[in-house]
N, C-alpha and C. Protein backbone atom coordinates (compact mmCIF):
# COMPACT_ATOMS: atom_id res chain seq x y z
N MET A 1 -2.69 24.67 10.13
CA MET A 1 -3.21 24.42 8.80
C MET A 1 -2.81 25.56 7.88
N ASP A 2 -2.35 25.26 6.70
CA ASP A 2 -1.96 26.23 5.70
C ASP A 2 -3.18 27.02 5.26
N ALA A 3 -3.01 28.33 5.13
CA ALA A 3 -4.13 29.19 4.73
C ALA A 3 -4.63 28.85 3.33
N LYS A 4 -3.77 28.30 2.49
CA LYS A 4 -4.15 27.96 1.12
C LYS A 4 -5.00 26.70 1.05
N LEU A 5 -4.95 25.87 2.07
CA LEU A 5 -5.68 24.60 2.06
C LEU A 5 -6.88 24.72 2.99
N LYS A 6 -8.06 24.88 2.38
CA LYS A 6 -9.24 25.03 3.23
C LYS A 6 -9.61 23.69 3.84
N LYS A 7 -10.30 23.77 4.96
CA LYS A 7 -10.70 22.57 5.68
C LYS A 7 -11.70 21.76 4.85
N THR A 8 -11.43 20.47 4.73
CA THR A 8 -12.28 19.55 3.97
C THR A 8 -12.62 18.37 4.86
N PRO A 9 -13.51 17.49 4.41
CA PRO A 9 -13.79 16.27 5.18
C PRO A 9 -12.54 15.41 5.38
N LEU A 10 -11.52 15.62 4.57
CA LEU A 10 -10.30 14.83 4.65
C LEU A 10 -9.56 15.04 5.97
N HIS A 11 -9.73 16.20 6.57
CA HIS A 11 -9.02 16.51 7.81
C HIS A 11 -9.50 15.66 8.98
N ASN A 12 -10.63 15.02 8.83
CA ASN A 12 -11.18 14.18 9.91
C ASN A 12 -10.92 12.70 9.70
N ILE A 13 -10.16 12.36 8.68
CA ILE A 13 -9.89 10.95 8.36
C ILE A 13 -8.53 10.55 8.94
N TYR A 14 -8.53 9.43 9.65
CA TYR A 14 -7.30 8.94 10.26
C TYR A 14 -6.98 7.50 9.88
N ASP A 15 -7.89 6.86 9.19
CA ASP A 15 -7.70 5.45 8.82
C ASP A 15 -7.33 5.30 7.34
N TRP A 16 -6.34 6.08 6.90
CA TRP A 16 -5.96 6.08 5.49
C TRP A 16 -5.56 4.71 4.96
N PRO A 17 -4.73 3.93 5.65
CA PRO A 17 -4.37 2.61 5.11
C PRO A 17 -5.59 1.72 4.87
N TYR A 18 -6.53 1.73 5.80
CA TYR A 18 -7.75 0.94 5.64
C TYR A 18 -8.55 1.44 4.44
N ARG A 19 -8.72 2.75 4.34
CA ARG A 19 -9.47 3.32 3.22
C ARG A 19 -8.79 3.02 1.88
N ALA A 20 -7.48 3.05 1.88
CA ALA A 20 -6.73 2.76 0.65
C ALA A 20 -7.02 1.34 0.18
N GLN A 21 -7.00 0.41 1.12
CA GLN A 21 -7.28 -0.98 0.77
C GLN A 21 -8.72 -1.14 0.30
N GLN A 22 -9.66 -0.48 0.97
CA GLN A 22 -11.07 -0.55 0.57
C GLN A 22 -11.28 0.03 -0.82
N ALA A 23 -10.48 1.03 -1.18
CA ALA A 23 -10.59 1.67 -2.50
C ALA A 23 -9.79 0.91 -3.55
N ASN A 24 -9.27 -0.25 -3.18
CA ASN A 24 -8.45 -1.08 -4.07
C ASN A 24 -7.28 -0.29 -4.65
N TRP A 25 -6.70 0.59 -3.79
CA TRP A 25 -5.49 1.33 -4.12
C TRP A 25 -5.68 2.26 -5.31
N CYS A 26 -6.89 2.71 -5.54
CA CYS A 26 -7.22 3.56 -6.69
C CYS A 26 -7.51 4.99 -6.21
N VAL A 27 -6.81 5.97 -6.78
CA VAL A 27 -6.95 7.37 -6.37
C VAL A 27 -8.38 7.87 -6.55
N SER A 28 -8.97 7.63 -7.71
CA SER A 28 -10.32 8.15 -7.96
C SER A 28 -11.35 7.50 -7.05
N THR A 29 -11.20 6.21 -6.79
CA THR A 29 -12.12 5.52 -5.89
C THR A 29 -11.95 6.03 -4.46
N LEU A 30 -10.72 6.28 -4.06
CA LEU A 30 -10.46 6.81 -2.73
C LEU A 30 -11.08 8.20 -2.59
N ALA A 31 -10.89 9.04 -3.59
CA ALA A 31 -11.46 10.39 -3.54
C ALA A 31 -12.98 10.33 -3.44
N LYS A 32 -13.58 9.47 -4.23
CA LYS A 32 -15.04 9.34 -4.22
C LYS A 32 -15.53 8.86 -2.85
N SER A 33 -14.84 7.88 -2.27
CA SER A 33 -15.26 7.37 -0.96
C SER A 33 -15.11 8.41 0.14
N CYS A 34 -14.23 9.38 -0.08
CA CYS A 34 -14.03 10.46 0.90
C CYS A 34 -14.94 11.65 0.64
N GLY A 35 -15.66 11.61 -0.48
CA GLY A 35 -16.58 12.69 -0.80
C GLY A 35 -15.92 13.95 -1.33
N VAL A 36 -14.76 13.78 -1.98
CA VAL A 36 -14.06 14.93 -2.54
C VAL A 36 -13.62 14.62 -3.96
N SER A 37 -13.18 15.65 -4.66
CA SER A 37 -12.65 15.45 -6.02
C SER A 37 -11.23 14.91 -5.94
N VAL A 38 -10.78 14.36 -7.05
CA VAL A 38 -9.41 13.86 -7.13
C VAL A 38 -8.44 15.01 -6.88
N ARG A 39 -8.74 16.17 -7.44
CA ARG A 39 -7.85 17.33 -7.27
C ARG A 39 -7.76 17.75 -5.80
N THR A 40 -8.88 17.73 -5.09
CA THR A 40 -8.87 18.07 -3.67
C THR A 40 -8.04 17.06 -2.89
N LEU A 41 -8.18 15.78 -3.24
CA LEU A 41 -7.39 14.73 -2.60
C LEU A 41 -5.90 14.94 -2.88
N GLU A 42 -5.57 15.29 -4.12
CA GLU A 42 -4.18 15.55 -4.48
C GLU A 42 -3.60 16.69 -3.65
N ARG A 43 -4.34 17.80 -3.55
CA ARG A 43 -3.85 18.94 -2.77
C ARG A 43 -3.65 18.55 -1.30
N TYR A 44 -4.62 17.82 -0.77
CA TYR A 44 -4.52 17.39 0.63
C TYR A 44 -3.30 16.50 0.85
N PHE A 45 -3.09 15.51 0.00
CA PHE A 45 -1.95 14.60 0.16
C PHE A 45 -0.63 15.33 0.01
N LEU A 46 -0.54 16.22 -0.97
CA LEU A 46 0.70 16.97 -1.14
C LEU A 46 1.00 17.80 0.10
N HIS A 47 -0.01 18.39 0.68
CA HIS A 47 0.17 19.21 1.88
C HIS A 47 0.43 18.36 3.12
N THR A 48 -0.31 17.29 3.30
CA THR A 48 -0.25 16.49 4.52
C THR A 48 0.86 15.44 4.50
N PHE A 49 1.00 14.73 3.39
CA PHE A 49 1.95 13.62 3.31
C PHE A 49 3.17 13.93 2.44
N ASN A 50 3.18 15.12 1.85
CA ASN A 50 4.29 15.58 1.01
C ASN A 50 4.54 14.67 -0.19
N GLN A 51 3.46 14.09 -0.71
CA GLN A 51 3.54 13.26 -1.91
C GLN A 51 2.15 13.14 -2.53
N SER A 52 2.12 12.71 -3.75
CA SER A 52 0.84 12.55 -4.44
C SER A 52 0.09 11.36 -3.86
N PRO A 53 -1.24 11.35 -4.01
CA PRO A 53 -2.00 10.18 -3.53
C PRO A 53 -1.54 8.89 -4.20
N LYS A 54 -1.23 8.99 -5.49
CA LYS A 54 -0.80 7.78 -6.21
C LYS A 54 0.48 7.21 -5.61
N ASN A 55 1.46 8.07 -5.34
CA ASN A 55 2.71 7.58 -4.74
C ASN A 55 2.47 7.03 -3.34
N TRP A 56 1.63 7.70 -2.56
CA TRP A 56 1.32 7.23 -1.21
C TRP A 56 0.63 5.87 -1.27
N LEU A 57 -0.35 5.74 -2.17
CA LEU A 57 -1.08 4.47 -2.30
C LEU A 57 -0.14 3.34 -2.73
N THR A 58 0.73 3.63 -3.66
CA THR A 58 1.68 2.62 -4.13
C THR A 58 2.58 2.16 -2.99
N ALA A 59 3.10 3.10 -2.22
CA ALA A 59 3.98 2.76 -1.11
C ALA A 59 3.25 1.92 -0.06
N HIS A 60 2.03 2.29 0.26
CA HIS A 60 1.28 1.54 1.27
C HIS A 60 0.80 0.19 0.74
N ARG A 61 0.55 0.12 -0.53
CA ARG A 61 0.18 -1.17 -1.13
C ARG A 61 1.34 -2.14 -1.04
N GLN A 62 2.54 -1.65 -1.34
CA GLN A 62 3.73 -2.50 -1.28
C GLN A 62 4.09 -2.84 0.17
N LYS A 63 3.83 -1.92 1.09
CA LYS A 63 4.05 -2.20 2.51
C LYS A 63 3.13 -3.33 2.96
N ARG A 64 1.87 -3.27 2.54
CA ARG A 64 0.92 -4.34 2.88
C ARG A 64 1.36 -5.66 2.26
N ALA A 65 1.87 -5.60 1.04
CA ALA A 65 2.37 -6.81 0.37
C ALA A 65 3.52 -7.42 1.17
N ALA A 66 4.45 -6.59 1.63
CA ALA A 66 5.58 -7.09 2.41
C ALA A 66 5.10 -7.75 3.70
N GLU A 67 4.10 -7.17 4.35
CA GLU A 67 3.54 -7.77 5.56
C GLU A 67 2.97 -9.16 5.26
N LEU A 68 2.22 -9.26 4.18
CA LEU A 68 1.63 -10.54 3.80
C LEU A 68 2.71 -11.58 3.49
N LEU A 69 3.74 -11.15 2.76
CA LEU A 69 4.82 -12.07 2.40
C LEU A 69 5.57 -12.54 3.65
N HIS A 70 5.77 -11.66 4.61
CA HIS A 70 6.43 -12.05 5.86
C HIS A 70 5.58 -13.03 6.66
N ASP A 71 4.27 -12.97 6.43
CA ASP A 71 3.36 -13.91 7.11
C ASP A 71 3.17 -15.20 6.31
N HIS A 72 4.08 -15.48 5.39
CA HIS A 72 4.11 -16.71 4.60
C HIS A 72 2.99 -16.83 3.57
N THR A 73 2.43 -15.71 3.15
CA THR A 73 1.45 -15.74 2.07
C THR A 73 2.24 -15.87 0.78
N THR A 74 1.77 -16.68 -0.14
CA THR A 74 2.49 -16.86 -1.41
C THR A 74 2.42 -15.59 -2.23
N VAL A 75 3.30 -15.49 -3.20
CA VAL A 75 3.32 -14.32 -4.10
C VAL A 75 1.99 -14.21 -4.83
N LYS A 76 1.48 -15.33 -5.30
CA LYS A 76 0.21 -15.34 -6.03
C LYS A 76 -0.94 -14.86 -5.14
N GLU A 77 -1.00 -15.40 -3.91
CA GLU A 77 -2.06 -14.99 -2.97
C GLU A 77 -1.93 -13.51 -2.60
N THR A 78 -0.70 -13.07 -2.36
CA THR A 78 -0.45 -11.67 -2.01
C THR A 78 -0.91 -10.75 -3.13
N ALA A 79 -0.55 -11.09 -4.35
CA ALA A 79 -0.96 -10.27 -5.50
C ALA A 79 -2.47 -10.14 -5.55
N SER A 80 -3.15 -11.22 -5.35
CA SER A 80 -4.61 -11.20 -5.36
C SER A 80 -5.18 -10.37 -4.21
N LEU A 81 -4.63 -10.55 -3.03
CA LEU A 81 -5.14 -9.84 -1.85
C LEU A 81 -4.96 -8.33 -1.92
N ILE A 82 -3.94 -7.89 -2.64
CA ILE A 82 -3.74 -6.44 -2.74
C ILE A 82 -4.21 -5.88 -4.08
N GLY A 83 -5.02 -6.67 -4.78
CA GLY A 83 -5.73 -6.15 -5.94
C GLY A 83 -5.07 -6.25 -7.29
N TYR A 84 -4.04 -7.05 -7.41
CA TYR A 84 -3.43 -7.25 -8.73
C TYR A 84 -4.12 -8.41 -9.42
N THR A 85 -4.39 -8.26 -10.70
CA THR A 85 -5.00 -9.32 -11.48
C THR A 85 -3.97 -10.40 -11.83
N HIS A 86 -2.73 -9.97 -12.08
CA HIS A 86 -1.68 -10.89 -12.49
C HIS A 86 -0.50 -10.82 -11.52
N PRO A 87 -0.06 -11.96 -11.01
CA PRO A 87 1.09 -11.97 -10.11
C PRO A 87 2.35 -11.37 -10.75
N SER A 88 2.49 -11.51 -12.06
CA SER A 88 3.68 -10.96 -12.72
C SER A 88 3.70 -9.43 -12.65
N THR A 89 2.54 -8.82 -12.74
CA THR A 89 2.47 -7.36 -12.62
C THR A 89 2.85 -6.95 -11.19
N PHE A 90 2.32 -7.68 -10.22
CA PHE A 90 2.67 -7.41 -8.82
C PHE A 90 4.18 -7.55 -8.61
N THR A 91 4.75 -8.63 -9.12
CA THR A 91 6.19 -8.88 -8.94
C THR A 91 7.00 -7.74 -9.53
N ARG A 92 6.64 -7.30 -10.71
CA ARG A 92 7.35 -6.21 -11.38
C ARG A 92 7.26 -4.92 -10.55
N GLU A 93 6.06 -4.57 -10.09
CA GLU A 93 5.87 -3.35 -9.30
C GLU A 93 6.58 -3.45 -7.95
N PHE A 94 6.52 -4.60 -7.32
CA PHE A 94 7.16 -4.79 -6.02
C PHE A 94 8.67 -4.61 -6.16
N LYS A 95 9.23 -5.21 -7.19
CA LYS A 95 10.67 -5.10 -7.41
C LYS A 95 11.07 -3.66 -7.71
N LYS A 96 10.23 -2.96 -8.48
CA LYS A 96 10.49 -1.56 -8.80
C LYS A 96 10.49 -0.70 -7.53
N GLN A 97 9.57 -0.98 -6.61
CA GLN A 97 9.44 -0.20 -5.38
C GLN A 97 10.49 -0.56 -4.33
N THR A 98 10.78 -1.83 -4.18
CA THR A 98 11.63 -2.28 -3.07
C THR A 98 13.03 -2.69 -3.49
N GLY A 99 13.22 -2.95 -4.77
CA GLY A 99 14.53 -3.39 -5.23
C GLY A 99 14.77 -4.88 -5.11
N GLN A 100 13.75 -5.63 -4.68
CA GLN A 100 13.90 -7.08 -4.58
C GLN A 100 12.62 -7.79 -4.99
N CYS A 101 12.78 -9.02 -5.40
CA CYS A 101 11.62 -9.81 -5.80
C CYS A 101 10.82 -10.22 -4.56
N PRO A 102 9.49 -10.29 -4.68
CA PRO A 102 8.69 -10.68 -3.52
C PRO A 102 8.98 -12.09 -3.04
N SER A 103 9.38 -12.97 -3.94
CA SER A 103 9.67 -14.35 -3.54
C SER A 103 10.86 -14.41 -2.57
N ILE A 104 11.75 -13.45 -2.64
CA ILE A 104 12.89 -13.41 -1.71
C ILE A 104 12.40 -13.19 -0.28
N LEU A 105 11.42 -12.30 -0.12
CA LEU A 105 10.87 -12.07 1.22
C LEU A 105 10.22 -13.32 1.77
N THR A 106 9.51 -14.03 0.92
CA THR A 106 8.86 -15.26 1.36
C THR A 106 9.91 -16.28 1.80
N LYS A 107 10.98 -16.43 1.02
CA LYS A 107 12.04 -17.37 1.36
C LYS A 107 12.75 -16.97 2.65
N LEU A 108 13.07 -15.68 2.79
CA LEU A 108 13.75 -15.21 4.00
C LEU A 108 12.88 -15.43 5.23
N SER A 109 11.60 -15.16 5.09
CA SER A 109 10.67 -15.34 6.21
C SER A 109 10.60 -16.81 6.61
N THR A 110 10.55 -17.69 5.63
CA THR A 110 10.50 -19.13 5.90
C THR A 110 11.80 -19.60 6.55
N GLN A 111 12.94 -19.11 6.06
CA GLN A 111 14.23 -19.50 6.64
C GLN A 111 14.35 -19.02 8.08
N THR A 112 13.88 -17.83 8.36
CA THR A 112 13.94 -17.29 9.71
C THR A 112 13.12 -18.14 10.66
N CYS A 113 11.93 -18.54 10.21
CA CYS A 113 11.07 -19.39 11.05
C CYS A 113 11.70 -20.76 11.27
N SER A 114 12.30 -21.31 10.23
CA SER A 114 12.96 -22.62 10.36
C SER A 114 14.13 -22.55 11.34
N LYS A 115 14.93 -21.50 11.27
CA LYS A 115 16.05 -21.34 12.19
C LYS A 115 15.55 -21.18 13.61
N ALA A 116 14.49 -20.44 13.79
CA ALA A 116 13.92 -20.22 15.13
C ALA A 116 13.43 -21.54 15.71
N ARG A 117 12.82 -22.38 14.88
CA ARG A 117 12.34 -23.68 15.36
C ARG A 117 13.50 -24.59 15.73
N ASN A 118 14.58 -24.54 14.94
CA ASN A 118 15.75 -25.38 15.21
C ASN A 118 16.46 -24.97 16.50
N VAL A 119 16.43 -23.69 16.82
CA VAL A 119 17.06 -23.20 18.04
C VAL A 119 16.25 -23.60 19.25
N ALA A 120 14.95 -23.60 19.14
CA ALA A 120 14.06 -23.90 20.28
C ALA A 120 14.06 -25.33 20.64
């Protein structure tokens, strides 16, 4: 442990993806649920994950979205499940993060399943 980073309750947390989802991917809500300030959470994430909490949350949110899309969840349903009010906002953010539209993942996943069924 770095001498500059004092031990906090954050050091005992191992279920970050679950907590992120419970906090609806919000930095301040995540900090509050962990019992620390946003600044303490920022210092911890920079030290532990080498990125800001916001960037980490965004990456994990999009990772969860990709999992849902691969499981044949529609873009609209996926957007709702990961806390977006509007599917268009989700689509824009997903494309910005991954370089592709979420509907492409859904189509690829469906095509892969169809090919697998045809082979069997």
